[in-house]
Amino acid sequence: MPDIYTSVPTFENDNFILRFVQKGDANDLLAVYSDKNALPFFNSDNCQGDNFYYQTLDRMNQAVDFWLDSYKNKWFVRWSIIDKTIKKAIGSIELFHREANDAFNHTGLFRLDLHSDYEKSNTIEEISNLIIKSAYSLLDTNRIITKIPLYAIERQTAFAKLGFTKSEELLIGTIDNYAYKDYWEKKR
């Protein structure tokens, strides 16, 4: 695999494409990030108070600009999830290699944001399965984590099928020093 900050790979199956986020995705992504039913599933741990609820195109454009700048700064990579049937972005995936003074040091963190219409275990599994296997080498890690709150039953089912298990460890925020729970992990 190439260096993720030199070249962002695209992943695809019959239903979805995962490709590097683009400025033009903001219109589609506004429907995701203004979806109040999707909001409880977004992982905003250690994100300086941003809960990823955006009600205007201007705010969504600011978020996409931040994601693109973050890539340039090698903080994280954000993919848009394209539904091939409707040819629109229906969510995003963020990946980064986490360095911290906690149990999740040198771990790949996987964030999945989806429109609530796609918050179904089979869909979550299908989308996540496109990238999880490559994430280990992309992030140079042997362990991937993702946050799955207690109420996220569809995500629990999907990630359990993908081989993830609930961790009892807490993630300590590198910015806010807060202890976050509800992380699931999978080792290579």
Protein backbone atom coordinates (compact mmCIF):
# COMPACT_ATOMS: atom_id res chain seq x y z
CA MET A 1 0.00 0.00 0.00
CA PRO A 2 1.22 3.52 -0.76
CA ASP A 3 1.68 6.15 1.91
CA ILE A 4 -1.86 7.29 2.70
CA TYR A 5 -0.74 10.94 2.76
CA THR A 6 0.76 10.65 -0.71
CA SER A 7 -2.07 8.80 -2.40
CA VAL A 8 -5.54 8.03 -1.05
CA PRO A 9 -6.85 4.72 -2.39
CA THR A 10 -10.40 4.28 -3.62
CA PHE A 11 -12.45 1.27 -2.54
CA GLU A 12 -15.45 -0.02 -4.43
CA ASN A 13 -17.99 -2.82 -4.64
CA ASP A 14 -21.27 -3.21 -6.52
CA ASN A 15 -23.11 -0.74 -4.27
CA PHE A 16 -20.66 1.79 -2.87
CA ILE A 17 -17.50 3.76 -3.66
CA LEU A 18 -15.21 5.10 -0.95
CA ARG A 19 -13.08 7.92 -2.36
CA PHE A 20 -11.17 10.87 -0.98
CA VAL A 21 -13.55 13.65 0.06
CA GLN A 22 -13.94 16.51 -2.41
CA LYS A 23 -15.19 20.09 -2.10
CA GLY A 24 -18.12 19.20 -4.35
CA ASP A 25 -19.35 16.63 -1.82
CA ALA A 26 -20.58 19.33 0.57
CA ASN A 27 -24.05 19.52 -0.98
CA ASP A 28 -24.65 15.79 -0.55
CA LEU A 29 -22.97 15.61 2.85
CA LEU A 30 -25.17 18.42 4.21
CA ALA A 31 -28.07 15.93 4.10
CA VAL A 32 -25.99 13.58 6.29
CA TYR A 33 -24.66 16.11 8.77
CA SER A 34 -28.01 17.89 9.18
CA ASP A 35 -29.78 14.56 9.84
CA LYS A 36 -30.82 14.67 13.52
CA ASN A 37 -31.42 10.90 13.48
CA ALA A 38 -27.82 10.28 12.37
CA LEU A 39 -26.24 12.66 14.88
CA PRO A 40 -26.21 10.22 17.85
CA PHE A 41 -24.01 7.82 15.86
CA PHE A 42 -21.27 10.32 14.96
CA ASN A 43 -18.05 9.97 16.96
CA SER A 44 -17.08 13.46 18.10
CA ASP A 45 -14.79 12.32 20.93
CA ASN A 46 -11.85 14.69 21.38
CA CYS A 47 -13.08 16.99 18.57
CA GLN A 48 -12.99 20.25 20.55
CA GLY A 49 -16.76 20.45 21.00
CA ASP A 50 -17.72 19.86 17.37
CA ASN A 51 -20.65 17.43 17.28
CA PHE A 52 -20.77 17.33 13.45
CA TYR A 53 -24.32 18.70 13.26
CA TYR A 54 -24.25 21.19 10.38
CA GLN A 55 -27.43 22.98 9.29
CA THR A 56 -26.08 25.20 6.49
CA LEU A 57 -24.09 24.64 3.33
CA ASP A 58 -21.60 27.25 4.50
CA ARG A 59 -20.90 25.28 7.69
CA MET A 60 -20.64 22.02 5.72
CA ASN A 61 -18.16 23.65 3.33
CA GLN A 62 -16.09 24.79 6.32
CA ALA A 63 -16.02 21.20 7.60
CA VAL A 64 -14.91 19.83 4.22
CA ASP A 65 -12.21 22.53 4.04
CA PHE A 66 -11.03 21.48 7.50
CA TRP A 67 -10.95 17.81 6.44
CA LEU A 68 -8.88 18.68 3.37
CA ASP A 69 -6.48 20.82 5.45
CA SER A 70 -6.22 18.02 8.01
CA TYR A 71 -5.14 15.67 5.25
CA LYS A 72 -2.45 18.14 4.14
CA ASN A 73 -1.27 18.32 7.77
CA LYS A 74 -1.32 14.50 8.00
CA TRP A 75 -3.84 14.46 10.88
CA PHE A 76 -6.45 12.20 9.27
CA VAL A 77 -7.98 11.07 5.98
CA ARG A 78 -11.66 11.43 5.17
CA TRP A 79 -13.40 9.40 2.46
CA SER A 80 -16.84 10.15 1.05
CA ILE A 81 -19.15 7.16 0.80
CA ILE A 82 -20.93 7.24 -2.55
CA ASP A 83 -24.11 5.23 -3.08
CA LYS A 84 -23.71 4.09 -6.68
CA THR A 85 -27.48 3.75 -7.19
CA ILE A 86 -28.24 7.41 -6.49
CA LYS A 87 -24.74 8.72 -7.29
CA LYS A 88 -24.58 10.77 -4.10
CA ALA A 89 -22.45 10.90 -0.97
CA ILE A 90 -24.39 9.31 1.89
CA GLY A 91 -21.71 9.58 4.57
CA SER A 92 -18.01 9.62 5.28
CA ILE A 93 -15.25 7.58 6.85
CA GLU A 94 -12.32 9.03 8.76
CA LEU A 95 -9.13 7.11 9.50
CA PHE A 96 -6.01 8.11 11.37
CA HIS A 97 -3.09 6.61 13.27
CA ARG A 98 -3.54 7.56 16.91
CA GLU A 99 -0.60 8.30 19.18
CA ALA A 100 -1.51 8.85 22.82
CA ASN A 101 -0.62 7.98 26.39
CA ASP A 102 -3.40 5.47 26.88
CA ALA A 103 -4.38 1.90 26.03
CA PHE A 104 -5.08 2.90 22.41
CA ASN A 105 -1.61 4.20 21.58
CA HIS A 106 -0.45 3.41 18.01
CA THR A 107 -3.96 2.35 17.06
CA GLY A 108 -5.96 3.10 13.93
CA LEU A 109 -9.14 5.01 14.67
CA PHE A 110 -12.09 4.42 12.33
CA ARG A 111 -15.01 6.88 12.29
CA LEU A 112 -18.11 6.13 10.23
CA ASP A 113 -20.77 8.80 9.64
CA LEU A 114 -23.86 7.72 7.72
CA HIS A 115 -27.23 9.20 6.84
CA SER A 116 -29.78 7.55 9.12
CA ASP A 117 -31.41 5.75 6.16
CA TYR A 118 -28.20 3.66 5.93
CA GLU A 119 -27.90 2.88 9.65
CA LYS A 120 -28.60 -0.82 9.06
CA SER A 121 -26.28 -3.63 10.11
CA ASN A 122 -25.90 -5.17 6.64
CA THR A 123 -25.14 -1.78 5.06
CA ILE A 124 -22.72 -0.79 7.83
CA GLU A 125 -20.94 -4.12 7.48
CA GLU A 126 -20.74 -3.85 3.68
CA ILE A 127 -19.34 -0.31 3.71
CA SER A 128 -16.89 -0.91 6.56
CA ASN A 129 -15.68 -4.18 5.06
CA LEU A 130 -14.50 -2.28 1.98
CA ILE A 131 -11.74 -0.51 3.95
CA ILE A 132 -11.10 -2.27 7.28
CA LYS A 133 -8.69 -4.91 5.91
CA SER A 134 -6.58 -2.23 4.20
CA ALA A 135 -6.70 0.12 7.19
CA TYR A 136 -4.02 -1.82 9.09
CA SER A 137 -1.39 -1.28 6.42
CA LEU A 138 -2.64 2.21 5.50
CA LEU A 139 -2.18 3.29 9.12
CA ASP A 140 0.80 1.08 9.96
CA THR A 141 -0.96 -0.53 12.91
CA ASN A 142 -2.06 -3.93 14.15
CA ARG A 143 -5.20 -2.67 15.85
CA ILE A 144 -8.26 -0.73 14.65
CA ILE A 145 -10.81 0.84 17.00
CA THR A 146 -14.21 2.42 16.45
CA LYS A 147 -16.74 3.93 18.82
CA ILE A 148 -20.06 2.11 19.12
CA PRO A 149 -22.41 3.50 21.79
CA LEU A 150 -24.56 1.11 23.79
CA TYR A 151 -27.72 2.13 21.88
CA ALA A 152 -26.13 1.57 18.42
CA ILE A 153 -27.49 -1.95 18.01
CA GLU A 154 -27.14 -2.04 14.22
CA ARG A 155 -23.47 -1.02 14.48
CA GLN A 156 -22.80 -3.56 17.21
CA THR A 157 -24.21 -6.31 15.01
CA ALA A 158 -22.24 -5.17 11.95
CA PHE A 159 -18.90 -4.76 13.69
CA ALA A 160 -19.28 -8.03 15.60
CA LYS A 161 -19.67 -9.75 12.21
CA LEU A 162 -16.48 -7.97 11.09
CA GLY A 163 -14.62 -9.45 14.08
CA PHE A 164 -14.63 -6.44 16.42
CA THR A 165 -15.12 -6.90 20.17
CA LYS A 166 -16.03 -4.39 22.85
CA SER A 167 -13.06 -3.05 24.78
CA GLU A 168 -13.24 -2.17 28.45
CA GLU A 169 -10.38 0.31 27.97
CA LEU A 170 -11.06 4.04 27.95
CA LEU A 171 -9.78 6.37 25.26
CA ILE A 172 -8.17 9.43 26.83
CA GLY A 173 -8.59 12.53 24.69
CA THR A 174 -5.28 13.96 23.55
CA ILE A 175 -6.83 17.44 23.36
CA ASP A 176 -9.35 17.48 26.22
CA ASN A 177 -7.92 14.72 28.47
CA TYR A 178 -11.44 13.32 28.90
CA ALA A 179 -11.94 9.56 29.27
CA TYR A 180 -14.25 8.19 26.54
CA LYS A 181 -15.93 4.78 26.57
CA ASP A 182 -17.72 2.48 24.12
CA TYR A 183 -14.80 1.56 21.88
CA TRP A 184 -14.67 -1.69 19.94
CA GLU A 185 -11.44 -3.14 18.56
CA LYS A 186 -10.09 -5.62 16.09
CA LYS A 187 -6.51 -6.80 15.94
CA ARG A 188 -4.86 -7.84 12.69
